[in-house]
Amino acid sequence: MFNQTQTVTYPATFLGAKKFKGEIDGSNIDTCSVLVATPLPAQSGNAVGFTAAQMKFGDSKNFSKLENLKYPCEVMVTVEMTSTG
C-alpha cells in the first residue's frame, strides 16, 4: 500500500457555498462545501459547457469566510489530492 498527496493551486470560479451542522440518522455532521464551475468533457460529443463540482471546505465555521462574497467570483483554489492504493 502507498499514500500519495499532491497539492495544486489553480484559478477557479466559485458559484456558491453551503453549510450543514446537525444530525442525520444518529451521526453528527458539521461541513462546509463550495460549488466550483467545472468544464464538462466535450470530447465525447455528448456534453458542452460547465457543471458545478462540490468540494469540501472544512466545517460549517468556514461558511462565514464565504457568505459575503459576490457570486459567481474568480478565486485561486488550493486543493490537496490524496491517493491510496
N, C-alpha and C. Protein backbone atom coordinates (compact mmCIF):
# COMPACT_ATOMS: atom_id res chain seq x y z
N MET A 1 0.83 -1.19 0.00
CA MET A 1 0.00 0.00 0.00
C MET A 1 0.87 1.25 0.00
N PHE A 2 0.29 2.34 -0.54
CA PHE A 2 1.01 3.60 -0.56
C PHE A 2 0.01 4.74 -0.39
N ASN A 3 0.50 5.84 0.12
CA ASN A 3 -0.27 7.08 0.19
C ASN A 3 0.50 8.13 -0.58
N GLN A 4 -0.19 8.83 -1.46
CA GLN A 4 0.46 9.87 -2.23
C GLN A 4 -0.42 11.11 -2.16
N THR A 5 0.20 12.25 -1.83
CA THR A 5 -0.53 13.51 -1.72
C THR A 5 0.07 14.52 -2.67
N GLN A 6 -0.80 15.24 -3.37
CA GLN A 6 -0.36 16.28 -4.29
C GLN A 6 -1.18 17.53 -4.00
N THR A 7 -0.51 18.68 -3.91
CA THR A 7 -1.19 19.95 -3.70
C THR A 7 -1.08 20.77 -4.97
N VAL A 8 -2.23 21.28 -5.43
CA VAL A 8 -2.30 22.03 -6.68
C VAL A 8 -3.06 23.33 -6.43
N THR A 9 -2.56 24.43 -6.99
CA THR A 9 -3.25 25.72 -6.93
C THR A 9 -3.60 26.14 -8.35
N TYR A 10 -4.87 26.55 -8.55
CA TYR A 10 -5.31 26.94 -9.89
C TYR A 10 -6.46 27.94 -9.79
N PRO A 11 -6.66 28.74 -10.86
CA PRO A 11 -7.79 29.67 -10.86
C PRO A 11 -9.10 28.91 -11.03
N ALA A 12 -10.15 29.39 -10.36
CA ALA A 12 -11.45 28.73 -10.45
C ALA A 12 -12.55 29.76 -10.28
N THR A 13 -13.76 29.36 -10.64
CA THR A 13 -14.94 30.20 -10.45
C THR A 13 -15.82 29.58 -9.38
N PHE A 14 -15.98 30.30 -8.26
CA PHE A 14 -16.90 29.85 -7.22
C PHE A 14 -18.31 30.24 -7.63
N LEU A 15 -19.21 29.27 -7.61
CA LEU A 15 -20.60 29.51 -7.94
C LEU A 15 -21.46 29.72 -6.70
N GLY A 16 -21.00 29.19 -5.58
CA GLY A 16 -21.75 29.32 -4.34
C GLY A 16 -21.11 28.51 -3.23
N ALA A 17 -21.75 28.54 -2.07
CA ALA A 17 -21.26 27.80 -0.90
C ALA A 17 -22.45 27.36 -0.07
N LYS A 18 -22.26 26.30 0.70
CA LYS A 18 -23.32 25.85 1.61
C LYS A 18 -22.71 25.20 2.83
N LYS A 19 -23.50 25.20 3.92
CA LYS A 19 -23.03 24.60 5.16
C LYS A 19 -24.14 23.73 5.74
N PHE A 20 -23.73 22.81 6.59
CA PHE A 20 -24.69 21.99 7.34
C PHE A 20 -24.06 21.62 8.66
N LYS A 21 -24.83 21.80 9.72
CA LYS A 21 -24.41 21.35 11.03
C LYS A 21 -25.64 20.77 11.71
N GLY A 22 -25.60 19.47 11.96
CA GLY A 22 -26.74 18.82 12.57
C GLY A 22 -26.53 17.32 12.64
N GLU A 23 -27.64 16.63 12.82
CA GLU A 23 -27.58 15.18 12.97
C GLU A 23 -28.43 14.52 11.90
N ILE A 24 -27.88 13.49 11.28
CA ILE A 24 -28.61 12.68 10.31
C ILE A 24 -28.42 11.23 10.70
N ASP A 25 -29.52 10.54 10.92
CA ASP A 25 -29.50 9.12 11.28
C ASP A 25 -28.54 8.82 12.44
N GLY A 26 -28.52 9.69 13.43
CA GLY A 26 -27.68 9.47 14.60
C GLY A 26 -26.23 9.89 14.46
N SER A 27 -25.84 10.38 13.29
CA SER A 27 -24.46 10.84 13.06
C SER A 27 -24.41 12.36 13.07
N ASN A 28 -23.48 12.92 13.85
CA ASN A 28 -23.27 14.36 13.85
C ASN A 28 -22.48 14.76 12.62
N ILE A 29 -22.98 15.77 11.91
CA ILE A 29 -22.33 16.24 10.69
C ILE A 29 -22.10 17.74 10.82
N ASP A 30 -20.90 18.18 10.48
CA ASP A 30 -20.52 19.59 10.52
C ASP A 30 -19.64 19.83 9.30
N THR A 31 -20.20 20.45 8.25
CA THR A 31 -19.47 20.55 7.00
C THR A 31 -19.75 21.86 6.26
N CYS A 32 -18.80 22.25 5.45
CA CYS A 32 -18.94 23.38 4.54
C CYS A 32 -18.46 22.91 3.17
N SER A 33 -19.17 23.32 2.13
CA SER A 33 -18.78 22.95 0.77
C SER A 33 -18.85 24.17 -0.13
N VAL A 34 -18.01 24.19 -1.15
CA VAL A 34 -18.07 25.21 -2.18
C VAL A 34 -18.45 24.55 -3.49
N LEU A 35 -19.15 25.30 -4.33
CA LEU A 35 -19.51 24.82 -5.66
C LEU A 35 -18.62 25.53 -6.66
N VAL A 36 -17.88 24.75 -7.43
CA VAL A 36 -16.88 25.28 -8.35
C VAL A 36 -17.28 24.92 -9.78
N ALA A 37 -17.23 25.90 -10.69
CA ALA A 37 -17.53 25.64 -12.10
C ALA A 37 -16.48 24.69 -12.66
N THR A 38 -16.93 23.62 -13.28
CA THR A 38 -16.04 22.60 -13.83
C THR A 38 -16.46 22.30 -15.26
N PRO A 39 -15.52 22.33 -16.22
CA PRO A 39 -15.89 22.05 -17.61
C PRO A 39 -16.42 20.62 -17.77
N LEU A 40 -17.45 20.48 -18.59
CA LEU A 40 -17.94 19.15 -18.94
C LEU A 40 -17.01 18.55 -19.99
N PRO A 41 -16.86 17.23 -20.01
CA PRO A 41 -15.99 16.59 -21.00
C PRO A 41 -16.62 16.64 -22.39
N ALA A 42 -16.13 17.55 -23.23
CA ALA A 42 -16.72 17.77 -24.55
C ALA A 42 -16.25 16.76 -25.59
N GLN A 43 -15.16 16.04 -25.32
CA GLN A 43 -14.59 15.16 -26.33
C GLN A 43 -15.54 14.04 -26.75
N SER A 44 -16.49 13.66 -25.92
CA SER A 44 -17.43 12.59 -26.28
C SER A 44 -18.49 13.09 -27.25
N GLY A 45 -18.65 14.39 -27.34
CA GLY A 45 -19.68 14.95 -28.20
C GLY A 45 -21.05 14.97 -27.54
N ASN A 46 -21.14 14.55 -26.29
CA ASN A 46 -22.42 14.47 -25.59
C ASN A 46 -22.62 15.57 -24.55
N ALA A 47 -21.65 16.45 -24.39
CA ALA A 47 -21.76 17.48 -23.36
C ALA A 47 -20.96 18.71 -23.78
N VAL A 48 -21.48 19.88 -23.43
CA VAL A 48 -20.76 21.14 -23.62
C VAL A 48 -21.04 22.03 -22.42
N GLY A 49 -20.15 22.95 -22.16
CA GLY A 49 -20.37 23.90 -21.08
C GLY A 49 -19.75 23.48 -19.76
N PHE A 50 -20.44 23.84 -18.68
CA PHE A 50 -19.90 23.64 -17.34
C PHE A 50 -20.93 22.98 -16.43
N THR A 51 -20.44 22.38 -15.38
CA THR A 51 -21.26 21.87 -14.30
C THR A 51 -20.69 22.38 -12.99
N ALA A 52 -21.37 22.14 -11.90
CA ALA A 52 -20.87 22.57 -10.59
C ALA A 52 -20.33 21.36 -9.84
N ALA A 53 -19.05 21.41 -9.51
CA ALA A 53 -18.43 20.36 -8.70
C ALA A 53 -18.47 20.82 -7.24
N GLN A 54 -18.92 19.94 -6.37
CA GLN A 54 -18.96 20.26 -4.94
C GLN A 54 -17.67 19.81 -4.29
N MET A 55 -16.99 20.74 -3.60
CA MET A 55 -15.73 20.44 -2.94
C MET A 55 -15.85 20.75 -1.45
N LYS A 56 -15.31 19.87 -0.61
CA LYS A 56 -15.34 20.08 0.84
C LYS A 56 -14.44 21.26 1.21
N PHE A 57 -14.92 22.04 2.19
CA PHE A 57 -14.15 23.17 2.69
C PHE A 57 -14.25 23.21 4.22
N GLY A 58 -13.87 22.11 4.84
CA GLY A 58 -13.83 22.04 6.29
C GLY A 58 -15.20 21.99 6.94
N ASP A 59 -15.29 22.60 8.14
CA ASP A 59 -16.55 22.54 8.87
C ASP A 59 -17.38 23.81 8.64
N SER A 60 -18.57 23.84 9.23
CA SER A 60 -19.53 24.92 8.97
C SER A 60 -19.01 26.30 9.38
N LYS A 61 -18.02 26.38 10.26
CA LYS A 61 -17.46 27.68 10.64
C LYS A 61 -16.84 28.40 9.44
N ASN A 62 -16.35 27.65 8.46
CA ASN A 62 -15.73 28.25 7.28
C ASN A 62 -16.72 29.01 6.41
N PHE A 63 -18.01 28.74 6.59
CA PHE A 63 -19.02 29.41 5.78
C PHE A 63 -18.95 30.93 5.96
N SER A 64 -18.60 31.39 7.16
CA SER A 64 -18.52 32.83 7.42
C SER A 64 -17.46 33.51 6.55
N LYS A 65 -16.47 32.76 6.08
CA LYS A 65 -15.44 33.32 5.20
C LYS A 65 -15.96 33.51 3.78
N LEU A 66 -17.09 32.88 3.46
CA LEU A 66 -17.60 32.85 2.09
C LEU A 66 -18.92 33.58 1.90
N GLU A 67 -19.68 33.76 2.97
CA GLU A 67 -21.06 34.21 2.82
C GLU A 67 -21.22 35.62 2.28
N ASN A 68 -20.21 36.46 2.37
CA ASN A 68 -20.34 37.83 1.87
C ASN A 68 -19.69 38.07 0.52
N LEU A 69 -19.19 37.01 -0.11
CA LEU A 69 -18.64 37.15 -1.46
C LEU A 69 -19.78 37.38 -2.44
N LYS A 70 -19.50 38.03 -3.56
CA LYS A 70 -20.50 38.22 -4.61
C LYS A 70 -20.29 37.11 -5.63
N TYR A 71 -21.28 36.24 -5.76
CA TYR A 71 -21.16 35.07 -6.64
C TYR A 71 -21.79 35.34 -7.99
N PRO A 72 -21.24 34.73 -9.06
CA PRO A 72 -20.00 33.94 -9.10
C PRO A 72 -18.79 34.85 -8.95
N CYS A 73 -17.69 34.28 -8.47
CA CYS A 73 -16.47 35.06 -8.30
C CYS A 73 -15.24 34.23 -8.67
N GLU A 74 -14.23 34.93 -9.15
CA GLU A 74 -12.98 34.29 -9.56
C GLU A 74 -12.06 34.22 -8.35
N VAL A 75 -11.49 33.04 -8.11
CA VAL A 75 -10.62 32.82 -6.96
C VAL A 75 -9.44 31.94 -7.36
N MET A 76 -8.45 31.89 -6.50
CA MET A 76 -7.38 30.90 -6.63
C MET A 76 -7.67 29.81 -5.60
N VAL A 77 -7.73 28.58 -6.05
CA VAL A 77 -8.07 27.45 -5.20
C VAL A 77 -6.84 26.58 -5.00
N THR A 78 -6.56 26.20 -3.76
CA THR A 78 -5.51 25.24 -3.46
C THR A 78 -6.19 23.96 -3.00
N VAL A 79 -5.93 22.88 -3.72
CA VAL A 79 -6.57 21.59 -3.46
C VAL A 79 -5.51 20.56 -3.13
N GLU A 80 -5.77 19.78 -2.09
CA GLU A 80 -4.89 18.66 -1.75
C GLU A 80 -5.57 17.37 -2.19
N MET A 81 -4.91 16.65 -3.08
CA MET A 81 -5.45 15.39 -3.58
C MET A 81 -4.63 14.25 -2.98
N THR A 82 -5.32 13.28 -2.38
CA THR A 82 -4.66 12.14 -1.76
C THR A 82 -5.10 10.86 -2.44
N SER A 83 -4.13 10.03 -2.77
CA SER A 83 -4.40 8.74 -3.40
C SER A 83 -3.86 7.64 -2.50
N THR A 84 -4.65 6.61 -2.30
CA THR A 84 -4.19 5.45 -1.53
C THR A 84 -4.36 4.21 -2.39
N GLY A 85 -3.51 3.27 -2.18
CA GLY A 85 -3.63 2.07 -3.00
C GLY A 85 -2.75 0.96 -2.50
